[in-house]
Amino acid sequence: ELTKNGEPVHSADVAETVGVSRASVSRAMGVLKDEGYITKQYYGTI
């Protein structure tokens, strides 16, 4: 949903959309990155 408009996606955007803390997003993004579902640079866009 967040990538529909073509803007870069940050962890804060995901946290707001899902309604969770940034720490929860960070853990989830780690799982998704490890599984090959996302690319994410350290403190970068997703």
ModelCIF file with pLDDT and N, C-alpha, C, O atoms, coordinates in Angstrom:
data_MODEL
#
_entry.id   MODEL 
#
_entity.id                         1 
_entity.type                       polymer 
_entity.pdbx_number_of_molecules   1 
#
_entity_poly.entity_id                      1 
_entity_poly.type                           'polypeptide(L)' 
_entity_poly.nstd_linkage                   no 
_entity_poly.nstd_monomer                   no 
_entity_poly.pdbx_seq_one_letter_code       ELTKNGEPVHSADVAETVGVSRASVSRAMGVLKDEGYITKQYYGTI 
_entity_poly.pdbx_seq_one_letter_code_can   ELTKNGEPVHSADVAETVGVSRASVSRAMGVLKDEGYITKQYYGTI 
_entity_poly.pdbx_strand_id                 A 
#
loop_
_entity_poly_seq.entity_id 
_entity_poly_seq.num 
_entity_poly_seq.mon_id 
_entity_poly_seq.hetero 
1 1  GLU n 
1 2  LEU n 
1 3  THR n 
1 4  LYS n 
1 5  ASN n 
1 6  GLY n 
1 7  GLU n 
1 8  PRO n 
1 9  VAL n 
1 10 HIS n 
1 11 SER n 
1 12 ALA n 
1 13 ASP n 
1 14 VAL n 
1 15 ALA n 
1 16 GLU n 
1 17 THR n 
1 18 VAL n 
1 19 GLY n 
1 20 VAL n 
1 21 SER n 
1 22 ARG n 
1 23 ALA n 
1 24 SER n 
1 25 VAL n 
1 26 SER n 
1 27 ARG n 
1 28 ALA n 
1 29 MET n 
1 30 GLY n 
1 31 VAL n 
1 32 LEU n 
1 33 LYS n 
1 34 ASP n 
1 35 GLU n 
1 36 GLY n 
1 37 TYR n 
1 38 ILE n 
1 39 THR n 
1 40 LYS n 
1 41 GLN n 
1 42 TYR n 
1 43 TYR n 
1 44 GLY n 
1 45 THR n 
1 46 ILE n 
#
_struct_asym.id          A 
_struct_asym.entity_id   1 
#
loop_
_ma_qa_metric.id 
_ma_qa_metric.mode 
_ma_qa_metric.name 
_ma_qa_metric.software_group_id 
_ma_qa_metric.type 
1 global pLDDT . pLDDT 
2 local  pLDDT . pLDDT 
#
_ma_qa_metric_global.metric_id      1 
_ma_qa_metric_global.metric_value   92.04 
_ma_qa_metric_global.model_id       1 
_ma_qa_metric_global.ordinal_id     1 
#
loop_
_ma_qa_metric_local.label_asym_id 
_ma_qa_metric_local.label_comp_id 
_ma_qa_metric_local.label_seq_id 
_ma_qa_metric_local.metric_id 
_ma_qa_metric_local.metric_value 
_ma_qa_metric_local.model_id 
_ma_qa_metric_local.ordinal_id 
A GLU 1  2 94.00 1 1  
A LEU 2  2 95.00 1 2  
A THR 3  2 92.00 1 3  
A LYS 4  2 89.00 1 4  
A ASN 5  2 83.00 1 5  
A GLY 6  2 82.00 1 6  
A GLU 7  2 83.00 1 7  
A PRO 8  2 87.00 1 8  
A VAL 9  2 93.00 1 9  
A HIS 10 2 93.00 1 10 
A SER 11 2 93.00 1 11 
A ALA 12 2 93.00 1 12 
A ASP 13 2 94.00 1 13 
A VAL 14 2 95.00 1 14 
A ALA 15 2 96.00 1 15 
A GLU 16 2 95.00 1 16 
A THR 17 2 94.00 1 17 
A VAL 18 2 94.00 1 18 
A GLY 19 2 94.00 1 19 
A VAL 20 2 95.00 1 20 
A SER 21 2 94.00 1 21 
A ARG 22 2 92.00 1 22 
A ALA 23 2 93.00 1 23 
A SER 24 2 94.00 1 24 
A VAL 25 2 94.00 1 25 
A SER 26 2 92.00 1 26 
A ARG 27 2 94.00 1 27 
A ALA 28 2 95.00 1 28 
A MET 29 2 95.00 1 29 
A GLY 30 2 93.00 1 30 
A VAL 31 2 94.00 1 31 
A LEU 32 2 96.00 1 32 
A LYS 33 2 95.00 1 33 
A ASP 34 2 94.00 1 34 
A GLU 35 2 94.00 1 35 
A GLY 36 2 96.00 1 36 
A TYR 37 2 96.00 1 37 
A ILE 38 2 96.00 1 38 
A THR 39 2 95.00 1 39 
A LYS 40 2 91.00 1 40 
A GLN 41 2 83.00 1 41 
A TYR 42 2 81.00 1 42 
A TYR 43 2 79.00 1 43 
A GLY 44 2 86.00 1 44 
A THR 45 2 93.00 1 45 
A ILE 46 2 95.00 1 46 
#
loop_
_atom_site.group_PDB 
_atom_site.id 
_atom_site.type_symbol 
_atom_site.label_atom_id 
_atom_site.label_alt_id 
_atom_site.label_comp_id 
_atom_site.label_asym_id 
_atom_site.label_entity_id 
_atom_site.label_seq_id 
_atom_site.pdbx_PDB_ins_code 
_atom_site.Cartn_x 
_atom_site.Cartn_y 
_atom_site.Cartn_z 
_atom_site.occupancy 
_atom_site.B_iso_or_equiv 
_atom_site.pdbx_formal_charge 
_atom_site.auth_seq_id 
_atom_site.auth_comp_id 
_atom_site.auth_asym_id 
_atom_site.auth_atom_id 
_atom_site.pdbx_PDB_model_num 
ATOM 1   N N  . GLU A 1 1  ? 0.828  -1.208  0.000  1.00 94.00 ? 1  GLU A N  1 
ATOM 2   C CA . GLU A 1 1  ? 0.000  0.000   0.000  1.00 94.00 ? 1  GLU A CA 1 
ATOM 3   C C  . GLU A 1 1  ? 0.866  1.264   0.000  1.00 94.00 ? 1  GLU A C  1 
ATOM 4   O O  . GLU A 1 1  ? 0.591  2.214   -0.732 1.00 94.00 ? 1  GLU A O  1 
ATOM 5   N N  . LEU A 1 2  ? 1.902  1.263   0.820  1.00 95.00 ? 2  LEU A N  1 
ATOM 6   C CA . LEU A 1 2  ? 2.765  2.446   0.944  1.00 95.00 ? 2  LEU A CA 1 
ATOM 7   C C  . LEU A 1 2  ? 3.598  2.704   -0.308 1.00 95.00 ? 2  LEU A C  1 
ATOM 8   O O  . LEU A 1 2  ? 3.981  3.846   -0.559 1.00 95.00 ? 2  LEU A O  1 
ATOM 9   N N  . THR A 1 3  ? 3.883  1.682   -1.089 1.00 92.00 ? 3  THR A N  1 
ATOM 10  C CA . THR A 1 3  ? 4.705  1.870   -2.287 1.00 92.00 ? 3  THR A CA 1 
ATOM 11  C C  . THR A 1 3  ? 3.885  2.274   -3.504 1.00 92.00 ? 3  THR A C  1 
ATOM 12  O O  . THR A 1 3  ? 4.447  2.553   -4.563 1.00 92.00 ? 3  THR A O  1 
ATOM 13  N N  . LYS A 1 4  ? 2.556  2.309   -3.366 1.00 89.00 ? 4  LYS A N  1 
ATOM 14  C CA . LYS A 1 4  ? 1.691  2.640   -4.512 1.00 89.00 ? 4  LYS A CA 1 
ATOM 15  C C  . LYS A 1 4  ? 2.007  4.008   -5.119 1.00 89.00 ? 4  LYS A C  1 
ATOM 16  O O  . LYS A 1 4  ? 1.950  4.172   -6.338 1.00 89.00 ? 4  LYS A O  1 
ATOM 17  N N  . ASN A 1 5  ? 2.335  4.975   -4.288 1.00 83.00 ? 5  ASN A N  1 
ATOM 18  C CA . ASN A 1 5  ? 2.541  6.333   -4.797 1.00 83.00 ? 5  ASN A CA 1 
ATOM 19  C C  . ASN A 1 5  ? 3.962  6.576   -5.285 1.00 83.00 ? 5  ASN A C  1 
ATOM 20  O O  . ASN A 1 5  ? 4.260  7.661   -5.785 1.00 83.00 ? 5  ASN A O  1 
ATOM 21  N N  . GLY A 1 6  ? 4.850  5.586   -5.150 1.00 82.00 ? 6  GLY A N  1 
ATOM 22  C CA . GLY A 1 6  ? 6.207  5.723   -5.646 1.00 82.00 ? 6  GLY A CA 1 
ATOM 23  C C  . GLY A 1 6  ? 7.165  6.440   -4.714 1.00 82.00 ? 6  GLY A C  1 
ATOM 24  O O  . GLY A 1 6  ? 8.351  6.560   -5.021 1.00 82.00 ? 6  GLY A O  1 
ATOM 25  N N  . GLU A 1 7  ? 6.674  6.914   -3.591 1.00 83.00 ? 7  GLU A N  1 
ATOM 26  C CA . GLU A 1 7  ? 7.530  7.596   -2.616 1.00 83.00 ? 7  GLU A CA 1 
ATOM 27  C C  . GLU A 1 7  ? 8.346  6.566   -1.834 1.00 83.00 ? 7  GLU A C  1 
ATOM 28  O O  . GLU A 1 7  ? 7.911  5.426   -1.668 1.00 83.00 ? 7  GLU A O  1 
ATOM 29  N N  . PRO A 1 8  ? 9.528  6.966   -1.352 1.00 87.00 ? 8  PRO A N  1 
ATOM 30  C CA . PRO A 1 8  ? 10.310 6.044   -0.519 1.00 87.00 ? 8  PRO A CA 1 
ATOM 31  C C  . PRO A 1 8  ? 9.557  5.701   0.764  1.00 87.00 ? 8  PRO A C  1 
ATOM 32  O O  . PRO A 1 8  ? 8.848  6.540   1.319  1.00 87.00 ? 8  PRO A O  1 
ATOM 33  N N  . VAL A 1 9  ? 9.716  4.464   1.229  1.00 93.00 ? 9  VAL A N  1 
ATOM 34  C CA . VAL A 1 9  ? 9.031  4.009   2.433  1.00 93.00 ? 9  VAL A CA 1 
ATOM 35  C C  . VAL A 1 9  ? 10.058 3.889   3.562  1.00 93.00 ? 9  VAL A C  1 
ATOM 36  O O  . VAL A 1 9  ? 11.120 3.288   3.400  1.00 93.00 ? 9  VAL A O  1 
ATOM 37  N N  . HIS A 1 10 ? 9.710  4.478   4.706  1.00 93.00 ? 10 HIS A N  1 
ATOM 38  C CA . HIS A 1 10 ? 10.560 4.415   5.895  1.00 93.00 ? 10 HIS A CA 1 
ATOM 39  C C  . HIS A 1 10 ? 9.847  3.611   6.981  1.00 93.00 ? 10 HIS A C  1 
ATOM 40  O O  . HIS A 1 10 ? 8.632  3.422   6.936  1.00 93.00 ? 10 HIS A O  1 
ATOM 41  N N  . SER A 1 11 ? 10.618 3.147   7.944  1.00 93.00 ? 11 SER A N  1 
ATOM 42  C CA . SER A 1 11 ? 10.056 2.369   9.053  1.00 93.00 ? 11 SER A CA 1 
ATOM 43  C C  . SER A 1 11 ? 8.947  3.128   9.765  1.00 93.00 ? 11 SER A C  1 
ATOM 44  O O  . SER A 1 11 ? 7.956  2.525   10.177 1.00 93.00 ? 11 SER A O  1 
ATOM 45  N N  . ALA A 1 12 ? 9.094  4.434   9.918  1.00 93.00 ? 12 ALA A N  1 
ATOM 46  C CA . ALA A 1 12 ? 8.069  5.237   10.596 1.00 93.00 ? 12 ALA A CA 1 
ATOM 47  C C  . ALA A 1 12 ? 6.744  5.173   9.835  1.00 93.00 ? 12 ALA A C  1 
ATOM 48  O O  . ALA A 1 12 ? 5.678  5.140   10.448 1.00 93.00 ? 12 ALA A O  1 
ATOM 49  N N  . ASP A 1 13 ? 6.807  5.155   8.506  1.00 94.00 ? 13 ASP A N  1 
ATOM 50  C CA . ASP A 1 13 ? 5.595  5.050   7.685  1.00 94.00 ? 13 ASP A CA 1 
ATOM 51  C C  . ASP A 1 13 ? 4.889  3.718   7.945  1.00 94.00 ? 13 ASP A C  1 
ATOM 52  O O  . ASP A 1 13 ? 3.667  3.661   8.083  1.00 94.00 ? 13 ASP A O  1 
ATOM 53  N N  . VAL A 1 14 ? 5.682  2.660   8.006  1.00 95.00 ? 14 VAL A N  1 
ATOM 54  C CA . VAL A 1 14 ? 5.131  1.324   8.239  1.00 95.00 ? 14 VAL A CA 1 
ATOM 55  C C  . VAL A 1 14 ? 4.518  1.257   9.634  1.00 95.00 ? 14 VAL A C  1 
ATOM 56  O O  . VAL A 1 14 ? 3.422  0.725   9.808  1.00 95.00 ? 14 VAL A O  1 
ATOM 57  N N  . ALA A 1 15 ? 5.227  1.797   10.628 1.00 96.00 ? 15 ALA A N  1 
ATOM 58  C CA . ALA A 1 15 ? 4.728  1.780   12.006 1.00 96.00 ? 15 ALA A CA 1 
ATOM 59  C C  . ALA A 1 15 ? 3.375  2.484   12.099 1.00 96.00 ? 15 ALA A C  1 
ATOM 60  O O  . ALA A 1 15 ? 2.458  1.996   12.759 1.00 96.00 ? 15 ALA A O  1 
ATOM 61  N N  . GLU A 1 16 ? 3.260  3.625   11.439 1.00 95.00 ? 16 GLU A N  1 
ATOM 62  C CA . GLU A 1 16 ? 2.001  4.377   11.465 1.00 95.00 ? 16 GLU A CA 1 
ATOM 63  C C  . GLU A 1 16 ? 0.882  3.603   10.768 1.00 95.00 ? 16 GLU A C  1 
ATOM 64  O O  . GLU A 1 16 ? -0.241 3.552   11.270 1.00 95.00 ? 16 GLU A O  1 
ATOM 65  N N  . THR A 1 17 ? 1.177  3.008   9.627  1.00 94.00 ? 17 THR A N  1 
ATOM 66  C CA . THR A 1 17 ? 0.175  2.280   8.860  1.00 94.00 ? 17 THR A CA 1 
ATOM 67  C C  . THR A 1 17 ? -0.327 1.047   9.598  1.00 94.00 ? 17 THR A C  1 
ATOM 68  O O  . THR A 1 17 ? -1.530 0.788   9.639  1.00 94.00 ? 17 THR A O  1 
ATOM 69  N N  . VAL A 1 18 ? 0.596  0.289   10.182 1.00 94.00 ? 18 VAL A N  1 
ATOM 70  C CA . VAL A 1 18 ? 0.230  -0.955  10.857 1.00 94.00 ? 18 VAL A CA 1 
ATOM 71  C C  . VAL A 1 18 ? -0.248 -0.690  12.286 1.00 94.00 ? 18 VAL A C  1 
ATOM 72  O O  . VAL A 1 18 ? -0.970 -1.504  12.861 1.00 94.00 ? 18 VAL A O  1 
ATOM 73  N N  . GLY A 1 19 ? 0.155  0.447   12.859 1.00 94.00 ? 19 GLY A N  1 
ATOM 74  C CA . GLY A 1 19 ? -0.262 0.788   14.219 1.00 94.00 ? 19 GLY A CA 1 
ATOM 75  C C  . GLY A 1 19 ? 0.580  0.102   15.281 1.00 94.00 ? 19 GLY A C  1 
ATOM 76  O O  . GLY A 1 19 ? 0.068  -0.357  16.303 1.00 94.00 ? 19 GLY A O  1 
ATOM 77  N N  . VAL A 1 20 ? 1.884  0.040   15.022 1.00 95.00 ? 20 VAL A N  1 
ATOM 78  C CA . VAL A 1 20 ? 2.804  -0.588  15.966 1.00 95.00 ? 20 VAL A CA 1 
ATOM 79  C C  . VAL A 1 20 ? 4.003  0.333   16.204 1.00 95.00 ? 20 VAL A C  1 
ATOM 80  O O  . VAL A 1 20 ? 4.131  1.379   15.568 1.00 95.00 ? 20 VAL A O  1 
ATOM 81  N N  . SER A 1 21 ? 4.870  -0.068  17.123 1.00 94.00 ? 21 SER A N  1 
ATOM 82  C CA . SER A 1 21 ? 6.064  0.729   17.414 1.00 94.00 ? 21 SER A CA 1 
ATOM 83  C C  . SER A 1 21 ? 7.126  0.536   16.333 1.00 94.00 ? 21 SER A C  1 
ATOM 84  O O  . SER A 1 21 ? 7.089  -0.426  15.565 1.00 94.00 ? 21 SER A O  1 
ATOM 85  N N  . ARG A 1 22 ? 8.067  1.470   16.294 1.00 92.00 ? 22 ARG A N  1 
ATOM 86  C CA . ARG A 1 22 ? 9.180  1.347   15.348 1.00 92.00 ? 22 ARG A CA 1 
ATOM 87  C C  . ARG A 1 22 ? 10.022 0.117   15.657 1.00 92.00 ? 22 ARG A C  1 
ATOM 88  O O  . ARG A 1 22 ? 10.578 -0.502  14.750 1.00 92.00 ? 22 ARG A O  1 
ATOM 89  N N  . ALA A 1 23 ? 10.118 -0.237  16.928 1.00 93.00 ? 23 ALA A N  1 
ATOM 90  C CA . ALA A 1 23 ? 10.883 -1.432  17.302 1.00 93.00 ? 23 ALA A CA 1 
ATOM 91  C C  . ALA A 1 23 ? 10.244 -2.684  16.710 1.00 93.00 ? 23 ALA A C  1 
ATOM 92  O O  . ALA A 1 23 ? 10.943 -3.575  16.229 1.00 93.00 ? 23 ALA A O  1 
ATOM 93  N N  . SER A 1 24 ? 8.913  -2.749  16.746 1.00 94.00 ? 24 SER A N  1 
ATOM 94  C CA . SER A 1 24 ? 8.217  -3.892  16.136 1.00 94.00 ? 24 SER A CA 1 
ATOM 95  C C  . SER A 1 24 ? 8.460  -3.941  14.638 1.00 94.00 ? 24 SER A C  1 
ATOM 96  O O  . SER A 1 24 ? 8.674  -5.013  14.071 1.00 94.00 ? 24 SER A O  1 
ATOM 97  N N  . VAL A 1 25 ? 8.427  -2.783  13.999 1.00 94.00 ? 25 VAL A N  1 
ATOM 98  C CA . VAL A 1 25 ? 8.690  -2.715  12.560 1.00 94.00 ? 25 VAL A CA 1 
ATOM 99  C C  . VAL A 1 25 ? 10.117 -3.170  12.276 1.00 94.00 ? 25 VAL A C  1 
ATOM 100 O O  . VAL A 1 25 ? 10.356 -3.912  11.324 1.00 94.00 ? 25 VAL A O  1 
ATOM 101 N N  . SER A 1 26 ? 11.049 -2.734  13.087 1.00 92.00 ? 26 SER A N  1 
ATOM 102 C CA . SER A 1 26 ? 12.450 -3.102  12.887 1.00 92.00 ? 26 SER A CA 1 
ATOM 103 C C  . SER A 1 26 ? 12.633 -4.622  12.933 1.00 92.00 ? 26 SER A C  1 
ATOM 104 O O  . SER A 1 26 ? 13.324 -5.195  12.090 1.00 92.00 ? 26 SER A O  1 
ATOM 105 N N  . ARG A 1 27 ? 12.021 -5.259  13.908 1.00 94.00 ? 27 ARG A N  1 
ATOM 106 C CA . ARG A 1 27 ? 12.097 -6.726  14.012 1.00 94.00 ? 27 ARG A CA 1 
ATOM 107 C C  . ARG A 1 27 ? 11.477 -7.393  12.783 1.00 94.00 ? 27 ARG A C  1 
ATOM 108 O O  . ARG A 1 27 ? 12.053 -8.311  12.200 1.00 94.00 ? 27 ARG A O  1 
ATOM 109 N N  . ALA A 1 28 ? 10.298 -6.915  12.403 1.00 95.00 ? 28 ALA A N  1 
ATOM 110 C CA . ALA A 1 28 ? 9.599  -7.501  11.258 1.00 95.00 ? 28 ALA A CA 1 
ATOM 111 C C  . ALA A 1 28 ? 10.384 -7.296  9.965  1.00 95.00 ? 28 ALA A C  1 
ATOM 112 O O  . ALA A 1 28 ? 10.450 -8.198  9.131  1.00 95.00 ? 28 ALA A O  1 
ATOM 113 N N  . MET A 1 29 ? 10.979 -6.114  9.794  1.00 95.00 ? 29 MET A N  1 
ATOM 114 C CA . MET A 1 29 ? 11.747 -5.852  8.579  1.00 95.00 ? 29 MET A CA 1 
ATOM 115 C C  . MET A 1 29 ? 12.987 -6.743  8.529  1.00 95.00 ? 29 MET A C  1 
ATOM 116 O O  . MET A 1 29 ? 13.431 -7.137  7.451  1.00 95.00 ? 29 MET A O  1 
ATOM 117 N N  . GLY A 1 30 ? 13.538 -7.053  9.690  1.00 93.00 ? 30 GLY A N  1 
ATOM 118 C CA . GLY A 1 30 ? 14.660 -7.983  9.743  1.00 93.00 ? 30 GLY A CA 1 
ATOM 119 C C  . GLY A 1 30 ? 14.264 -9.358  9.237  1.00 93.00 ? 30 GLY A C  1 
ATOM 120 O O  . GLY A 1 30 ? 15.005 -9.986  8.481  1.00 93.00 ? 30 GLY A O  1 
ATOM 121 N N  . VAL A 1 31 ? 13.101 -9.823  9.651  1.00 94.00 ? 31 VAL A N  1 
ATOM 122 C CA . VAL A 1 31 ? 12.594 -11.121 9.189  1.00 94.00 ? 31 VAL A CA 1 
ATOM 123 C C  . VAL A 1 31 ? 12.351 -11.084 7.684  1.00 94.00 ? 31 VAL A C  1 
ATOM 124 O O  . VAL A 1 31 ? 12.773 -11.982 6.954  1.00 94.00 ? 31 VAL A O  1 
ATOM 125 N N  . LEU A 1 32 ? 11.670 -10.040 7.231  1.00 96.00 ? 32 LEU A N  1 
ATOM 126 C CA . LEU A 1 32 ? 11.362 -9.933  5.802  1.00 96.00 ? 32 LEU A CA 1 
ATOM 127 C C  . LEU A 1 32 ? 12.623 -9.824  4.954  1.00 96.00 ? 32 LEU A C  1 
ATOM 128 O O  . LEU A 1 32 ? 12.685 -10.380 3.858  1.00 96.00 ? 32 LEU A O  1 
ATOM 129 N N  . LYS A 1 33 ? 13.620 -9.115  5.450  1.00 95.00 ? 33 LYS A N  1 
ATOM 130 C CA . LYS A 1 33 ? 14.885 -8.985  4.727  1.00 95.00 ? 33 LYS A CA 1 
ATOM 131 C C  . LYS A 1 33 ? 15.601 -10.331 4.675  1.00 95.00 ? 33 LYS A C  1 
ATOM 132 O O  . LYS A 1 33 ? 16.085 -10.740 3.620  1.00 95.00 ? 33 LYS A O  1 
ATOM 133 N N  . ASP A 1 34 ? 15.668 -11.016 5.811  1.00 94.00 ? 34 ASP A N  1 
ATOM 134 C CA . ASP A 1 34 ? 16.329 -12.321 5.866  1.00 94.00 ? 34 ASP A CA 1 
ATOM 135 C C  . ASP A 1 34 ? 15.676 -13.335 4.943  1.00 94.00 ? 34 ASP A C  1 
ATOM 136 O O  . ASP A 1 34 ? 16.351 -14.202 4.387  1.00 94.00 ? 34 ASP A O  1 
ATOM 137 N N  . GLU A 1 35 ? 14.354 -13.228 4.777  1.00 94.00 ? 35 GLU A N  1 
ATOM 138 C CA . GLU A 1 35 ? 13.609 -14.162 3.925  1.00 94.00 ? 35 GLU A CA 1 
ATOM 139 C C  . GLU A 1 35 ? 13.593 -13.738 2.454  1.00 94.00 ? 35 GLU A C  1 
ATOM 140 O O  . GLU A 1 35 ? 13.081 -14.465 1.603  1.00 94.00 ? 35 GLU A O  1 
ATOM 141 N N  . GLY A 1 36 ? 14.154 -12.557 2.155  1.00 96.00 ? 36 GLY A N  1 
ATOM 142 C CA . GLY A 1 36 ? 14.239 -12.105 0.769  1.00 96.00 ? 36 GLY A CA 1 
ATOM 143 C C  . GLY A 1 36 ? 13.024 -11.368 0.250  1.00 96.00 ? 36 GLY A C  1 
ATOM 144 O O  . GLY A 1 36 ? 12.870 -11.201 -0.959 1.00 96.00 ? 36 GLY A O  1 
ATOM 145 N N  . TYR A 1 37 ? 12.147 -10.918 1.160  1.00 96.00 ? 37 TYR A N  1 
ATOM 146 C CA . TYR A 1 37 ? 10.935 -10.219 0.742  1.00 96.00 ? 37 TYR A CA 1 
ATOM 147 C C  . TYR A 1 37 ? 11.133 -8.713  0.562  1.00 96.00 ? 37 TYR A C  1 
ATOM 148 O O  . TYR A 1 37 ? 10.369 -8.062  -0.151 1.00 96.00 ? 37 TYR A O  1 
ATOM 149 N N  . ILE A 1 38 ? 12.156 -8.167  1.208  1.00 96.00 ? 38 ILE A N  1 
ATOM 150 C CA . ILE A 1 38 ? 12.433 -6.728  1.104  1.00 96.00 ? 38 ILE A CA 1 
ATOM 151 C C  . ILE A 1 38 ? 13.933 -6.501  0.988  1.00 96.00 ? 38 ILE A C  1 
ATOM 152 O O  . ILE A 1 38 ? 14.747 -7.370  1.299  1.00 96.00 ? 38 ILE A O  1 
ATOM 153 N N  . THR A 1 39 ? 14.265 -5.305  0.531  1.00 95.00 ? 39 THR A N  1 
ATOM 154 C CA . THR A 1 39 ? 15.621 -4.791  0.664  1.00 95.00 ? 39 THR A CA 1 
ATOM 155 C C  . THR A 1 39 ? 15.528 -3.576  1.562  1.00 95.00 ? 39 THR A C  1 
ATOM 156 O O  . THR A 1 39 ? 14.578 -2.798  1.479  1.00 95.00 ? 39 THR A O  1 
ATOM 157 N N  . LYS A 1 40 ? 16.517 -3.419  2.419  1.00 91.00 ? 40 LYS A N  1 
ATOM 158 C CA . LYS A 1 40 ? 16.522 -2.282  3.335  1.00 91.00 ? 40 LYS A CA 1 
ATOM 159 C C  . LYS A 1 40 ? 17.958 -1.998  3.732  1.00 91.00 ? 40 LYS A C  1 
ATOM 160 O O  . LYS A 1 40 ? 18.680 -2.868  4.218  1.00 91.00 ? 40 LYS A O  1 
ATOM 161 N N  . GLN A 1 41 ? 18.338 -0.777  3.514  1.00 83.00 ? 41 GLN A N  1 
ATOM 162 C CA . GLN A 1 41 ? 19.644 -0.339  3.974  1.00 83.00 ? 41 GLN A CA 1 
ATOM 163 C C  . GLN A 1 41 ? 19.533 0.088   5.436  1.00 83.00 ? 41 GLN A C  1 
ATOM 164 O O  . GLN A 1 41 ? 18.462 0.493   5.888  1.00 83.00 ? 41 GLN A O  1 
ATOM 165 N N  . TYR A 1 42 ? 20.626 -0.002  6.164  1.00 81.00 ? 42 TYR A N  1 
ATOM 166 C CA . TYR A 1 42 ? 20.623 0.386   7.575  1.00 81.00 ? 42 TYR A CA 1 
ATOM 167 C C  . TYR A 1 42 ? 20.114 1.820   7.693  1.00 81.00 ? 42 TYR A C  1 
ATOM 168 O O  . TYR A 1 42 ? 20.715 2.736   7.131  1.00 81.00 ? 42 TYR A O  1 
ATOM 169 N N  . TYR A 1 43 ? 19.030 2.023   8.407  1.00 79.00 ? 43 TYR A N  1 
ATOM 170 C CA . TYR A 1 43 ? 18.355 3.314   8.568  1.00 79.00 ? 43 TYR A CA 1 
ATOM 171 C C  . TYR A 1 43 ? 17.917 3.910   7.231  1.00 79.00 ? 43 TYR A C  1 
ATOM 172 O O  . TYR A 1 43 ? 17.753 5.125   7.122  1.00 79.00 ? 43 TYR A O  1 
ATOM 173 N N  . GLY A 1 44 ? 17.727 3.074   6.220  1.00 86.00 ? 44 GLY A N  1 
ATOM 174 C CA . GLY A 1 44 ? 17.329 3.564   4.909  1.00 86.00 ? 44 GLY A CA 1 
ATOM 175 C C  . GLY A 1 44 ? 15.893 3.210   4.577  1.00 86.00 ? 44 GLY A C  1 
ATOM 176 O O  . GLY A 1 44 ? 15.112 2.780   5.426  1.00 86.00 ? 44 GLY A O  1 
ATOM 177 N N  . THR A 1 45 ? 15.583 3.407   3.319  1.00 93.00 ? 45 THR A N  1 
ATOM 178 C CA . THR A 1 45 ? 14.231 3.117   2.855  1.00 93.00 ? 45 THR A CA 1 
ATOM 179 C C  . THR A 1 45 ? 14.047 1.618   2.635  1.00 93.00 ? 45 THR A C  1 
ATOM 180 O O  . THR A 1 45 ? 15.008 0.857   2.529  1.00 93.00 ? 45 THR A O  1 
ATOM 181 N N  . ILE A 1 46 ? 12.794 1.231   2.571  1.00 95.00 ? 46 ILE A N  1 
ATOM 182 C CA . ILE A 1 46 ? 12.403 -0.172  2.439  1.00 95.00 ? 46 ILE A CA 1 
ATOM 183 C C  . ILE A 1 46 ? 11.766 -0.359  1.067  1.00 95.00 ? 46 ILE A C  1 
ATOM 184 O O  . ILE A 1 46 ? 11.354 -1.468  0.724  1.00 95.00 ? 46 ILE A O  1 
#
